[in-house]
Amino acid sequence: QVQVMESGGGLVQPGGSLRLSCAFSEFTRYRKDAMSWFRQTPGKEREWVTTILIDGLSAAYADSVKGRFIISKDDDKNMVYLQMNDLKPEDTGVYYCRGNLGGYYYWGQGTQVTVSS
């Protein structure tokens, strides 16, 4: 069972930046593996934010965050990061990390991000 844990959330003013971290107990190396970030606000469905493939060469972003967020990973540390810049109030939510590893999904428990003045 792969363990996943997010960190780095907090309160930030509009226009500010945060970097979220996601620690995996292990990475697998299957070609189709990928890591993603999702977010959720009360009363809404969980929303996909971004995905990076295990090779680190391909990433995709939701239109709402394109140009502001950057996903990256460190294979040596089994870590995935989400750099969030120019944050907006609508970015507020609980951010979840998900690993699609070896055909299975592994979720973290989430970290709260609040963008407010």
PDB file of N, CA and C in Angstrom:
ATOM      1  N   GLN A   1       0.841  -1.189   0.000  1.00  0.00           N
ATOM      2  CA  GLN A   1       0.000   0.000   0.000  1.00  0.00           C
ATOM      3  C   GLN A   1       0.884   1.249   0.000  1.00  0.00           C
ATOM      4  N   VAL A   2       0.719   2.056  -1.019  1.00  0.00           N
ATOM      5  CA  VAL A   2       1.504   3.290  -1.115  1.00  0.00           C
ATOM      6  C   VAL A   2       0.858   4.363  -0.240  1.00  0.00           C
ATOM      7  N   GLN A   3       1.662   5.004   0.568  1.00  0.00           N
ATOM      8  CA  GLN A   3       1.188   6.101   1.416  1.00  0.00           C
ATOM      9  C   GLN A   3       1.459   7.434   0.729  1.00  0.00           C
ATOM     10  N   VAL A   4       0.493   8.344   0.856  1.00  0.00           N
ATOM     11  CA  VAL A   4       0.600   9.651   0.207  1.00  0.00           C
ATOM     12  C   VAL A   4       0.259  10.733   1.228  1.00  0.00           C
ATOM     13  N   MET A   5       1.063  11.762   1.305  1.00  0.00           N
ATOM     14  CA  MET A   5       0.803  12.832   2.271  1.00  0.00           C
ATOM     15  C   MET A   5       1.147  14.181   1.680  1.00  0.00           C
ATOM     16  N   GLU A   6       0.156  15.077   1.708  1.00  0.00           N
ATOM     17  CA  GLU A   6       0.354  16.439   1.221  1.00  0.00           C
ATOM     18  C   GLU A   6       0.764  17.361   2.374  1.00  0.00           C
ATOM     19  N   SER A   7       1.413  18.441   2.014  1.00  0.00           N
ATOM     20  CA  SER A   7       1.759  19.489   2.973  1.00  0.00           C
ATOM     21  C   SER A   7       1.964  20.792   2.221  1.00  0.00           C
ATOM     22  N   GLY A   8       2.042  21.892   2.989  1.00  0.00           N
ATOM     23  CA  GLY A   8       2.358  23.173   2.380  1.00  0.00           C
ATOM     24  C   GLY A   8       1.194  24.122   2.210  1.00  0.00           C
ATOM     25  N   GLY A   9       0.003  23.686   2.578  1.00  0.00           N
ATOM     26  CA  GLY A   9      -1.140  24.582   2.453  1.00  0.00           C
ATOM     27  C   GLY A   9      -1.098  25.698   3.485  1.00  0.00           C
ATOM     28  N   GLY A  10      -1.998  26.647   3.328  1.00  0.00           N
ATOM     29  CA  GLY A  10      -2.058  27.751   4.274  1.00  0.00           C
ATOM     30  C   GLY A  10      -2.900  28.883   3.744  1.00  0.00           C
ATOM     31  N   LEU A  11      -2.782  30.016   4.421  1.00  0.00           N
ATOM     32  CA  LEU A  11      -3.508  31.231   4.050  1.00  0.00           C
ATOM     33  C   LEU A  11      -2.566  32.155   3.295  1.00  0.00           C
ATOM     34  N   VAL A  12      -3.013  32.646   2.162  1.00  0.00           N
ATOM     35  CA  VAL A  12      -2.188  33.530   1.349  1.00  0.00           C
ATOM     36  C   VAL A  12      -3.076  34.615   0.744  1.00  0.00           C
ATOM     37  N   GLN A  13      -2.509  35.779   0.538  1.00  0.00           N
ATOM     38  CA  GLN A  13      -3.268  36.875  -0.059  1.00  0.00           C
ATOM     39  C   GLN A  13      -3.369  36.695  -1.573  1.00  0.00           C
ATOM     40  N   PRO A  14      -4.389  37.263  -2.165  1.00  0.00           N
ATOM     41  CA  PRO A  14      -4.488  37.211  -3.636  1.00  0.00           C
ATOM     42  C   PRO A  14      -3.212  37.766  -4.278  1.00  0.00           C
ATOM     43  N   GLY A  15      -2.770  37.089  -5.319  1.00  0.00           N
ATOM     44  CA  GLY A  15      -1.527  37.461  -5.982  1.00  0.00           C
ATOM     45  C   GLY A  15      -0.298  36.796  -5.406  1.00  0.00           C
ATOM     46  N   GLY A  16      -0.458  36.136  -4.276  1.00  0.00           N
ATOM     47  CA  GLY A  16       0.663  35.475  -3.627  1.00  0.00           C
ATOM     48  C   GLY A  16       0.952  34.100  -4.201  1.00  0.00           C
ATOM     49  N   SER A  17       1.915  33.420  -3.583  1.00  0.00           N
ATOM     50  CA  SER A  17       2.360  32.107  -4.050  1.00  0.00           C
ATOM     51  C   SER A  17       2.418  31.123  -2.891  1.00  0.00           C
ATOM     52  N   LEU A  18       2.253  29.858  -3.234  1.00  0.00           N
ATOM     53  CA  LEU A  18       2.441  28.757  -2.299  1.00  0.00           C
ATOM     54  C   LEU A  18       3.021  27.585  -3.066  1.00  0.00           C
ATOM     55  N   ARG A  19       3.764  26.749  -2.362  1.00  0.00           N
ATOM     56  CA  ARG A  19       4.231  25.507  -2.961  1.00  0.00           C
ATOM     57  C   ARG A  19       3.736  24.346  -2.112  1.00  0.00           C
ATOM     58  N   LEU A  20       2.957  23.498  -2.721  1.00  0.00           N
ATOM     59  CA  LEU A  20       2.481  22.294  -2.060  1.00  0.00           C
ATOM     60  C   LEU A  20       3.443  21.140  -2.343  1.00  0.00           C
ATOM     61  N   SER A  21       3.565  20.279  -1.357  1.00  0.00           N
ATOM     62  CA  SER A  21       4.406  19.096  -1.501  1.00  0.00           C
ATOM     63  C   SER A  21       3.569  17.843  -1.280  1.00  0.00           C
ATOM     64  N   CYS A  22       3.966  16.786  -1.961  1.00  0.00           N
ATOM     65  CA  CYS A  22       3.272  15.514  -1.825  1.00  0.00           C
ATOM     66  C   CYS A  22       4.330  14.422  -1.713  1.00  0.00           C
ATOM     67  N   ALA A  23       4.339  13.751  -0.581  1.00  0.00           N
ATOM     68  CA  ALA A  23       5.314  12.697  -0.325  1.00  0.00           C
ATOM     69  C   ALA A  23       4.691  11.331  -0.561  1.00  0.00           C
ATOM     70  N   PHE A  24       5.344  10.537  -1.377  1.00  0.00           N
ATOM     71  CA  PHE A  24       4.933   9.157  -1.630  1.00  0.00           C
ATOM     72  C   PHE A  24       5.885   8.224  -0.886  1.00  0.00           C
ATOM     73  N   SER A  25       5.333   7.141  -0.317  1.00  0.00           N
ATOM     74  CA  SER A  25       6.193   6.161   0.356  1.00  0.00           C
ATOM     75  C   SER A  25       7.059   5.424  -0.653  1.00  0.00           C
ATOM     76  N   GLU A  26       6.601   5.387  -1.896  1.00  0.00           N
ATOM     77  CA  GLU A  26       7.390   4.793  -2.966  1.00  0.00           C
ATOM     78  C   GLU A  26       6.839   5.260  -4.302  1.00  0.00           C
ATOM     79  N   PHE A  27       7.694   5.262  -5.268  1.00  0.00           N
ATOM     80  CA  PHE A  27       7.294   5.480  -6.647  1.00  0.00           C
ATOM     81  C   PHE A  27       7.411   4.149  -7.367  1.00  0.00           C
ATOM     82  N   THR A  28       6.525   3.938  -8.322  1.00  0.00           N
ATOM     83  CA  THR A  28       6.716   2.823  -9.223  1.00  0.00           C
ATOM     84  C   THR A  28       7.283   3.378 -10.521  1.00  0.00           C
ATOM     85  N   ARG A  29       7.564   2.524 -11.442  1.00  0.00           N
ATOM     86  CA  ARG A  29       8.221   3.003 -12.660  1.00  0.00           C
ATOM     87  C   ARG A  29       7.522   2.484 -13.909  1.00  0.00           C
ATOM     88  N   TYR A  30       6.224   2.211 -13.798  1.00  0.00           N
ATOM     89  CA  TYR A  30       5.515   1.778 -14.989  1.00  0.00           C
ATOM     90  C   TYR A  30       5.358   2.961 -15.928  1.00  0.00           C
ATOM     91  N   ARG A  31       5.387   2.673 -17.183  1.00  0.00           N
ATOM     92  CA  ARG A  31       5.416   3.709 -18.210  1.00  0.00           C
ATOM     93  C   ARG A  31       4.202   4.630 -18.135  1.00  0.00           C
ATOM     94  N   LYS A  32       3.040   4.101 -17.761  1.00  0.00           N
ATOM     95  CA  LYS A  32       1.820   4.901 -17.763  1.00  0.00           C
ATOM     96  C   LYS A  32       1.516   5.523 -16.403  1.00  0.00           C
ATOM     97  N   ASP A  33       2.428   5.397 -15.462  1.00  0.00           N
ATOM     98  CA  ASP A  33       2.186   5.990 -14.145  1.00  0.00           C
ATOM     99  C   ASP A  33       2.164   7.509 -14.233  1.00  0.00           C
ATOM    100  N   ALA A  34       1.418   8.095 -13.314  1.00  0.00           N
ATOM    101  CA  ALA A  34       1.294   9.545 -13.319  1.00  0.00           C
ATOM    102  C   ALA A  34       0.915  10.031 -11.925  1.00  0.00           C
ATOM    103  N   MET A  35       1.202  11.296 -11.657  1.00  0.00           N
ATOM    104  CA  MET A  35       0.821  11.926 -10.401  1.00  0.00           C
ATOM    105  C   MET A  35       0.010  13.169 -10.718  1.00  0.00           C
ATOM    106  N   SER A  36      -0.999  13.416  -9.906  1.00  0.00           N
ATOM    107  CA  SER A  36      -1.923  14.510 -10.189  1.00  0.00           C
ATOM    108  C   SER A  36      -2.254  15.282  -8.916  1.00  0.00           C
ATOM    109  N   TRP A  37      -2.716  16.488  -9.150  1.00  0.00           N
ATOM    110  CA  TRP A  37      -3.302  17.293  -8.086  1.00  0.00           C
ATOM    111  C   TRP A  37      -4.763  17.576  -8.440  1.00  0.00           C
ATOM    112  N   PHE A  38      -5.594  17.482  -7.416  1.00  0.00           N
ATOM    113  CA  PHE A  38      -6.996  17.839  -7.522  1.00  0.00           C
ATOM    114  C   PHE A  38      -7.306  18.843  -6.420  1.00  0.00           C
ATOM    115  N   ARG A  39      -8.455  19.500  -6.522  1.00  0.00           N
ATOM    116  CA  ARG A  39      -8.886  20.381  -5.447  1.00  0.00           C
ATOM    117  C   ARG A  39     -10.396  20.306  -5.308  1.00  0.00           C
ATOM    118  N   GLN A  40     -10.842  20.664  -4.110  1.00  0.00           N
ATOM    119  CA  GLN A  40     -12.273  20.583  -3.829  1.00  0.00           C
ATOM    120  C   GLN A  40     -12.681  21.686  -2.872  1.00  0.00           C
ATOM    121  N   THR A  41     -13.807  22.317  -3.170  1.00  0.00           N
ATOM    122  CA  THR A  41     -14.402  23.295  -2.273  1.00  0.00           C
ATOM    123  C   THR A  41     -15.735  22.748  -1.795  1.00  0.00           C
ATOM    124  N   PRO A  42     -16.205  23.199  -0.624  1.00  0.00           N
ATOM    125  CA  PRO A  42     -17.474  22.682  -0.089  1.00  0.00           C
ATOM    126  C   PRO A  42     -18.616  22.821  -1.086  1.00  0.00           C
ATOM    127  N   GLY A  43     -19.360  21.759  -1.245  1.00  0.00           N
ATOM    128  CA  GLY A  43     -20.523  21.782  -2.123  1.00  0.00           C
ATOM    129  C   GLY A  43     -20.215  21.532  -3.579  1.00  0.00           C
ATOM    130  N   LYS A  44     -18.939  21.348  -3.891  1.00  0.00           N
ATOM    131  CA  LYS A  44     -18.554  21.119  -5.280  1.00  0.00           C
ATOM    132  C   LYS A  44     -17.834  19.788  -5.412  1.00  0.00           C
ATOM    133  N   GLU A  45     -17.845  19.265  -6.624  1.00  0.00           N
ATOM    134  CA  GLU A  45     -17.121  18.028  -6.881  1.00  0.00           C
ATOM    135  C   GLU A  45     -15.621  18.304  -6.932  1.00  0.00           C
ATOM    136  N   ARG A  46     -14.885  17.250  -6.665  1.00  0.00           N
ATOM    137  CA  ARG A  46     -13.434  17.374  -6.744  1.00  0.00           C
ATOM    138  C   ARG A  46     -13.047  17.701  -8.190  1.00  0.00           C
ATOM    139  N   GLU A  47     -12.133  18.657  -8.338  1.00  0.00           N
ATOM    140  CA  GLU A  47     -11.751  19.183  -9.648  1.00  0.00           C
ATOM    141  C   GLU A  47     -10.305  18.828  -9.953  1.00  0.00           C
ATOM    142  N   TRP A  48     -10.073  18.315 -11.144  1.00  0.00           N
ATOM    143  CA  TRP A  48      -8.712  18.030 -11.573  1.00  0.00           C
ATOM    144  C   TRP A  48      -7.963  19.339 -11.818  1.00  0.00           C
ATOM    145  N   VAL A  49      -6.696  19.380 -11.394  1.00  0.00           N
ATOM    146  CA  VAL A  49      -5.881  20.583 -11.555  1.00  0.00           C
ATOM    147  C   VAL A  49      -4.737  20.351 -12.536  1.00  0.00           C
ATOM    148  N   THR A  50      -3.970  19.283 -12.306  1.00  0.00           N
ATOM    149  CA  THR A  50      -2.809  19.049 -13.145  1.00  0.00           C
ATOM    150  C   THR A  50      -2.315  17.620 -12.993  1.00  0.00           C
ATOM    151  N   THR A  51      -1.606  17.140 -14.011  1.00  0.00           N
ATOM    152  CA  THR A  51      -1.027  15.796 -14.020  1.00  0.00           C
ATOM    153  C   THR A  51       0.351  15.842 -14.646  1.00  0.00           C
ATOM    154  N   ILE A  52       1.257  15.055 -14.076  1.00  0.00           N
ATOM    155  CA  ILE A  52       2.575  14.870 -14.659  1.00  0.00           C
ATOM    156  C   ILE A  52       2.816  13.384 -14.831  1.00  0.00           C
ATOM    157  N   LEU A  53       3.362  12.985 -15.971  1.00  0.00           N
ATOM    158  CA  LEU A  53       3.655  11.584 -16.209  1.00  0.00           C
ATOM    159  C   LEU A  53       4.939  11.183 -15.489  1.00  0.00           C
ATOM    160  N   ILE A  54       5.098   9.880 -15.283  1.00  0.00           N
ATOM    161  CA  ILE A  54       6.233   9.388 -14.507  1.00  0.00           C
ATOM    162  C   ILE A  54       7.559   9.767 -15.154  1.00  0.00           C
ATOM    163  N   ASP A  55       7.559   9.922 -16.488  1.00  0.00           N
ATOM    164  CA  ASP A  55       8.813  10.289 -17.146  1.00  0.00           C
ATOM    165  C   ASP A  55       9.173  11.755 -16.917  1.00  0.00           C
ATOM    166  N   GLY A  56       8.244  12.515 -16.360  1.00  0.00           N
ATOM    167  CA  GLY A  56       8.501  13.910 -16.070  1.00  0.00           C
ATOM    168  C   GLY A  56       8.541  14.811 -17.281  1.00  0.00           C
ATOM    169  N   LEU A  57       8.319  14.243 -18.448  1.00  0.00           N
ATOM    170  CA  LEU A  57       8.439  15.031 -19.679  1.00  0.00           C
ATOM    171  C   LEU A  57       7.117  15.626 -20.125  1.00  0.00           C
ATOM    172  N   SER A  58       6.026  15.119 -19.583  1.00  0.00           N
ATOM    173  CA  SER A  58       4.712  15.578 -20.027  1.00  0.00           C
ATOM    174  C   SER A  58       3.879  15.994 -18.834  1.00  0.00           C
ATOM    175  N   ALA A  59       3.227  17.131 -18.971  1.00  0.00           N
ATOM    176  CA  ALA A  59       2.323  17.617 -17.928  1.00  0.00           C
ATOM    177  C   ALA A  59       1.135  18.298 -18.590  1.00  0.00           C
ATOM    178  N   ALA A  60       0.027  18.275 -17.905  1.00  0.00           N
ATOM    179  CA  ALA A  60      -1.187  18.922 -18.407  1.00  0.00           C
ATOM    180  C   ALA A  60      -1.817  19.707 -17.272  1.00  0.00           C
ATOM    181  N   TYR A  61      -2.515  20.777 -17.634  1.00  0.00           N
ATOM    182  CA  TYR A  61      -3.102  21.671 -16.642  1.00  0.00           C
ATOM    183  C   TYR A  61      -4.543  22.019 -17.009  1.00  0.00           C
ATOM    184  N   ALA A  62      -5.350  22.212 -15.990  1.00  0.00           N
ATOM    185  CA  ALA A  62      -6.682  22.758 -16.216  1.00  0.00           C
ATOM    186  C   ALA A  62      -6.544  24.190 -16.723  1.00  0.00           C
ATOM    187  N   ASP A  63      -7.478  24.612 -17.540  1.00  0.00           N
ATOM    188  CA  ASP A  63      -7.414  25.959 -18.095  1.00  0.00           C
ATOM    189  C   ASP A  63      -7.381  27.021 -17.000  1.00  0.00           C
ATOM    190  N   SER A  64      -8.049  26.740 -15.897  1.00  0.00           N
ATOM    191  CA  SER A  64      -8.155  27.730 -14.824  1.00  0.00           C
ATOM    192  C   SER A  64      -6.825  28.008 -14.137  1.00  0.00           C
ATOM    193  N   VAL A  65      -5.847  27.117 -14.284  1.00  0.00           N
ATOM    194  CA  VAL A  65      -4.566  27.310 -13.609  1.00  0.00           C
ATOM    195  C   VAL A  65      -3.396  27.403 -14.576  1.00  0.00           C
ATOM    196  N   LYS A  66      -3.646  27.200 -15.847  1.00  0.00           N
ATOM    197  CA  LYS A  66      -2.584  27.202 -16.844  1.00  0.00           C
ATOM    198  C   LYS A  66      -1.854  28.547 -16.835  1.00  0.00           C
ATOM    199  N   GLY A  67      -0.538  28.480 -16.810  1.00  0.00           N
ATOM    200  CA  GLY A  67       0.268  29.691 -16.785  1.00  0.00           C
ATOM    201  C   GLY A  67       0.553  30.211 -15.383  1.00  0.00           C
ATOM    202  N   ARG A  68      -0.141  29.658 -14.395  1.00  0.00           N
ATOM    203  CA  ARG A  68       0.073  30.095 -13.000  1.00  0.00           C
ATOM    204  C   ARG A  68       0.624  28.983 -12.116  1.00  0.00           C
ATOM    205  N   PHE A  69       0.233  27.743 -12.374  1.00  0.00           N
ATOM    206  CA  PHE A  69       0.664  26.606 -11.559  1.00  0.00           C
ATOM    207  C   PHE A  69       1.681  25.780 -12.342  1.00  0.00           C
ATOM    208  N   ILE A  70       2.595  25.177 -11.597  1.00  0.00           N
ATOM    209  CA  ILE A  70       3.594  24.298 -12.196  1.00  0.00           C
ATOM    210  C   ILE A  70       3.726  23.045 -11.347  1.00  0.00           C
ATOM    211  N   ILE A  71       3.576  21.889 -11.979  1.00  0.00           N
ATOM    212  CA  ILE A  71       3.772  20.612 -11.295  1.00  0.00           C
ATOM    213  C   ILE A  71       5.165  20.090 -11.609  1.00  0.00           C
ATOM    214  N   SER A  72       5.795  19.506 -10.604  1.00  0.00           N
ATOM    215  CA  SER A  72       7.117  18.925 -10.811  1.00  0.00           C
ATOM    216  C   SER A  72       7.288  17.751  -9.857  1.00  0.00           C
ATOM    217  N   LYS A  73       8.359  16.990 -10.047  1.00  0.00           N
ATOM    218  CA  LYS A  73       8.605  15.857  -9.158  1.00  0.00           C
ATOM    219  C   LYS A  73      10.077  15.632  -8.973  1.00  0.00           C
ATOM    220  N   ASP A  74      10.398  14.992  -7.890  1.00  0.00           N
ATOM    221  CA  ASP A  74      11.773  14.634  -7.559  1.00  0.00           C
ATOM    222  C   ASP A  74      11.798  13.130  -7.313  1.00  0.00           C
ATOM    223  N   ASP A  75      12.315  12.393  -8.264  1.00  0.00           N
ATOM    224  CA  ASP A  75      12.298  10.938  -8.158  1.00  0.00           C
ATOM    225  C   ASP A  75      13.196  10.441  -7.023  1.00  0.00           C
ATOM    226  N   ASP A  76      14.254  11.149  -6.744  1.00  0.00           N
ATOM    227  CA  ASP A  76      15.162  10.713  -5.672  1.00  0.00           C
ATOM    228  C   ASP A  76      14.492  10.774  -4.313  1.00  0.00           C
ATOM    229  N   LYS A  77      13.557  11.701  -4.168  1.00  0.00           N
ATOM    230  CA  LYS A  77      12.893  11.895  -2.879  1.00  0.00           C
ATOM    231  C   LYS A  77      11.454  11.365  -2.869  1.00  0.00           C
ATOM    232  N   ASN A  78      11.000  10.815  -3.978  1.00  0.00           N
ATOM    233  CA  ASN A  78       9.606  10.365  -4.109  1.00  0.00           C
ATOM    234  C   ASN A  78       8.630  11.483  -3.787  1.00  0.00           C
ATOM    235  N   MET A  79       8.885  12.655  -4.340  1.00  0.00           N
ATOM    236  CA  MET A  79       8.095  13.838  -4.037  1.00  0.00           C
ATOM    237  C   MET A  79       7.489  14.414  -5.308  1.00  0.00           C
ATOM    238  N   VAL A  80       6.317  14.993  -5.149  1.00  0.00           N
ATOM    239  CA  VAL A  80       5.670  15.750  -6.213  1.00  0.00           C
ATOM    240  C   VAL A  80       5.334  17.124  -5.638  1.00  0.00           C
ATOM    241  N   TYR A  81       5.490  18.145  -6.440  1.00  0.00           N
ATOM    242  CA  TYR A  81       5.271  19.512  -5.969  1.00  0.00           C
ATOM    243  C   TYR A  81       4.262  20.233  -6.865  1.00  0.00           C
ATOM    244  N   LEU A  82       3.604  21.204  -6.270  1.00  0.00           N
ATOM    245  CA  LEU A  82       2.735  22.082  -7.037  1.00  0.00           C
ATOM    246  C   LEU A  82       3.070  23.512  -6.655  1.00  0.00           C
ATOM    247  N   GLN A  83       3.737  24.208  -7.555  1.00  0.00           N
ATOM    248  CA  GLN A  83       4.039  25.619  -7.358  1.00  0.00           C
ATOM    249  C   GLN A  83       2.859  26.434  -7.859  1.00  0.00           C
ATOM    250  N   MET A  84       2.276  27.216  -6.966  1.00  0.00           N
ATOM    251  CA  MET A  84       1.086  27.998  -7.306  1.00  0.00           C
ATOM    252  C   MET A  84       1.418  29.469  -7.199  1.00  0.00           C
ATOM    253  N   ASN A  85       1.309  30.164  -8.309  1.00  0.00           N
ATOM    254  CA  ASN A  85       1.626  31.594  -8.377  1.00  0.00           C
ATOM    255  C   ASN A  85       0.379  32.399  -8.738  1.00  0.00           C
ATOM    256  N   ASP A  86       0.439  33.687  -8.437  1.00  0.00           N
ATOM    257  CA  ASP A  86      -0.677  34.589  -8.762  1.00  0.00           C
ATOM    258  C   ASP A  86      -2.009  33.986  -8.307  1.00  0.00           C
ATOM    259  N   LEU A  87      -2.036  33.594  -7.050  1.00  0.00           N
ATOM    260  CA  LEU A  87      -3.218  32.916  -6.527  1.00  0.00           C
ATOM    261  C   LEU A  87      -4.423  33.850  -6.480  1.00  0.00           C
ATOM    262  N   LYS A  88      -5.579  33.251  -6.708  1.00  0.00           N
ATOM    263  CA  LYS A  88      -6.847  33.972  -6.729  1.00  0.00           C
ATOM    264  C   LYS A  88      -7.797  33.380  -5.685  1.00  0.00           C
ATOM    265  N   PRO A  89      -8.758  34.141  -5.226  1.00  0.00           N
ATOM    266  CA  PRO A  89      -9.711  33.590  -4.242  1.00  0.00           C
ATOM    267  C   PRO A  89     -10.377  32.303  -4.712  1.00  0.00           C
ATOM    268  N   GLU A  90     -10.600  32.185  -6.005  1.00  0.00           N
ATOM    269  CA  GLU A  90     -11.243  30.968  -6.518  1.00  0.00           C
ATOM    270  C   GLU A  90     -10.331  29.748  -6.506  1.00  0.00           C
ATOM    271  N   ASP A  91      -9.064  29.947  -6.146  1.00  0.00           N
ATOM    272  CA  ASP A  91      -8.157  28.811  -5.974  1.00  0.00           C
ATOM    273  C   ASP A  91      -8.302  28.179  -4.593  1.00  0.00           C
ATOM    274  N   THR A  92      -9.077  28.794  -3.744  1.00  0.00           N
ATOM    275  CA  THR A  92      -9.298  28.271  -2.395  1.00  0.00           C
ATOM    276  C   THR A  92      -9.919  26.882  -2.442  1.00  0.00           C
ATOM    277  N   GLY A  93      -9.413  26.000  -1.591  1.00  0.00           N
ATOM    278  CA  GLY A  93      -9.961  24.662  -1.513  1.00  0.00           C
ATOM    279  C   GLY A  93      -9.004  23.715  -0.825  1.00  0.00           C
ATOM    280  N   VAL A  94      -9.439  22.471  -0.696  1.00  0.00           N
ATOM    281  CA  VAL A  94      -8.556  21.422  -0.204  1.00  0.00           C
ATOM    282  C   VAL A  94      -7.887  20.785  -1.415  1.00  0.00           C
ATOM    283  N   TYR A  95      -6.584  20.747  -1.377  1.00  0.00           N
ATOM    284  CA  TYR A  95      -5.811  20.201  -2.486  1.00  0.00           C
ATOM    285  C   TYR A  95      -5.371  18.776  -2.160  1.00  0.00           C
ATOM    286  N   TYR A  96      -5.651  17.892  -3.097  1.00  0.00           N
ATOM    287  CA  TYR A  96      -5.336  16.484  -2.928  1.00  0.00           C
ATOM    288  C   TYR A  96      -4.318  16.031  -3.968  1.00  0.00           C
ATOM    289  N   CYS A  97      -3.441  15.187  -3.528  1.00  0.00           N
ATOM    290  CA  CYS A  97      -2.461  14.573  -4.407  1.00  0.00           C
ATOM    291  C   CYS A  97      -2.913  13.140  -4.693  1.00  0.00           C
ATOM    292  N   ARG A  98      -2.749  12.711  -5.920  1.00  0.00           N
ATOM    293  CA  ARG A  98      -3.115  11.343  -6.292  1.00  0.00           C
ATOM    294  C   ARG A  98      -2.024  10.724  -7.133  1.00  0.00           C
ATOM    295  N   GLY A  99      -1.677   9.509  -6.783  1.00  0.00           N
ATOM    296  CA  GLY A  99      -0.746   8.739  -7.592  1.00  0.00           C
ATOM    297  C   GLY A  99      -1.490   7.658  -8.350  1.00  0.00           C
ATOM    298  N   ASN A 100      -1.250   7.584  -9.644  1.00  0.00           N
ATOM    299  CA  ASN A 100      -1.756   6.487 -10.461  1.00  0.00           C
ATOM    300  C   ASN A 100      -0.554   5.583 -10.709  1.00  0.00           C
ATOM    301  N   LEU A 101      -0.406   4.586  -9.863  1.00  0.00           N
ATOM    302  CA  LEU A 101       0.815   3.803  -9.837  1.00  0.00           C
ATOM    303  C   LEU A 101       0.489   2.330 -10.032  1.00  0.00           C
ATOM    304  N   GLY A 102       1.045   1.765 -11.084  1.00  0.00           N
ATOM    305  CA  GLY A 102       0.841   0.343 -11.333  1.00  0.00           C
ATOM    306  C   GLY A 102      -0.620  -0.029 -11.523  1.00  0.00           C
ATOM    307  N   GLY A 103      -1.418   0.907 -12.008  1.00  0.00           N
ATOM    308  CA  GLY A 103      -2.823   0.628 -12.251  1.00  0.00           C
ATOM    309  C   GLY A 103      -3.740   0.886 -11.073  1.00  0.00           C
ATOM    310  N   TYR A 104      -3.187   1.376  -9.975  1.00  0.00           N
ATOM    311  CA  TYR A 104      -3.979   1.678  -8.788  1.00  0.00           C
ATOM    312  C   TYR A 104      -3.894   3.170  -8.475  1.00  0.00           C
ATOM    313  N   TYR A 105      -4.966   3.685  -7.845  1.00  0.00           N
ATOM    314  CA  TYR A 105      -4.982   5.080  -7.433  1.00  0.00           C
ATOM    315  C   TYR A 105      -4.713   5.176  -5.934  1.00  0.00           C
ATOM    316  N   TYR A 106      -3.867   6.116  -5.565  1.00  0.00           N
ATOM    317  CA  TYR A 106      -3.551   6.360  -4.164  1.00  0.00           C
ATOM    318  C   TYR A 106      -3.741   7.843  -3.884  1.00  0.00           C
ATOM    319  N   TRP A 107      -4.560   8.142  -2.880  1.00  0.00           N
ATOM    320  CA  TRP A 107      -4.877   9.522  -2.538  1.00  0.00           C
ATOM    321  C   TRP A 107      -4.287   9.916  -1.199  1.00  0.00           C
ATOM    322  N   GLY A 108      -3.919  11.181  -1.103  1.00  0.00           N
ATOM    323  CA  GLY A 108      -3.579  11.739   0.190  1.00  0.00           C
ATOM    324  C   GLY A 108      -4.820  12.284   0.867  1.00  0.00           C
ATOM    325  N   GLN A 109      -4.638  12.829   2.062  1.00  0.00           N
ATOM    326  CA  GLN A 109      -5.771  13.333   2.841  1.00  0.00           C
ATOM    327  C   GLN A 109      -6.063  14.797   2.584  1.00  0.00           C
ATOM    328  N   GLY A 110      -5.206  15.465   1.847  1.00  0.00           N
ATOM    329  CA  GLY A 110      -5.474  16.837   1.446  1.00  0.00           C
ATOM    330  C   GLY A 110      -4.831  17.874   2.339  1.00  0.00           C
ATOM    331  N   THR A 111      -4.632  19.046   1.754  1.00  0.00           N
ATOM    332  CA  THR A 111      -4.106  20.192   2.493  1.00  0.00           C
ATOM    333  C   THR A 111      -4.906  21.430   2.083  1.00  0.00           C
ATOM    334  N   GLN A 112      -5.273  22.239   3.073  1.00  0.00           N
ATOM    335  CA  GLN A 112      -6.150  23.372   2.825  1.00  0.00           C
ATOM    336  C   GLN A 112      -5.363  24.568   2.296  1.00  0.00           C
ATOM    337  N   VAL A 113      -5.873  25.152   1.235  1.00  0.00           N
ATOM    338  CA  VAL A 113      -5.327  26.397   0.696  1.00  0.00           C
ATOM    339  C   VAL A 113      -6.439  27.445   0.736  1.00  0.00           C
ATOM    340  N   THR A 114      -6.151  28.564   1.365  1.00  0.00           N
ATOM    341  CA  THR A 114      -7.125  29.642   1.439  1.00  0.00           C
ATOM    342  C   THR A 114      -6.495  30.915   0.889  1.00  0.00           C
ATOM    343  N   VAL A 115      -7.142  31.477  -0.119  1.00  0.00           N
ATOM    344  CA  VAL A 115      -6.654  32.711  -0.733  1.00  0.00           C
ATOM    345  C   VAL A 115      -7.640  33.816  -0.369  1.00  0.00           C
ATOM    346  N   SER A 116      -7.171  34.717   0.475  1.00  0.00           N
ATOM    347  CA  SER A 116      -8.068  35.752   0.981  1.00  0.00           C
ATOM    348  C   SER A 116      -7.253  36.931   1.480  1.00  0.00           C
ATOM    349  N   SER A 117      -7.834  38.121   1.353  1.00  0.00           N
ATOM    350  CA  SER A 117      -7.185  39.305   1.886  1.00  0.00           C
ATOM    351  C   SER A 117      -7.691  39.600   3.291  1.00  0.00           C
TER     352      SER A 117
END
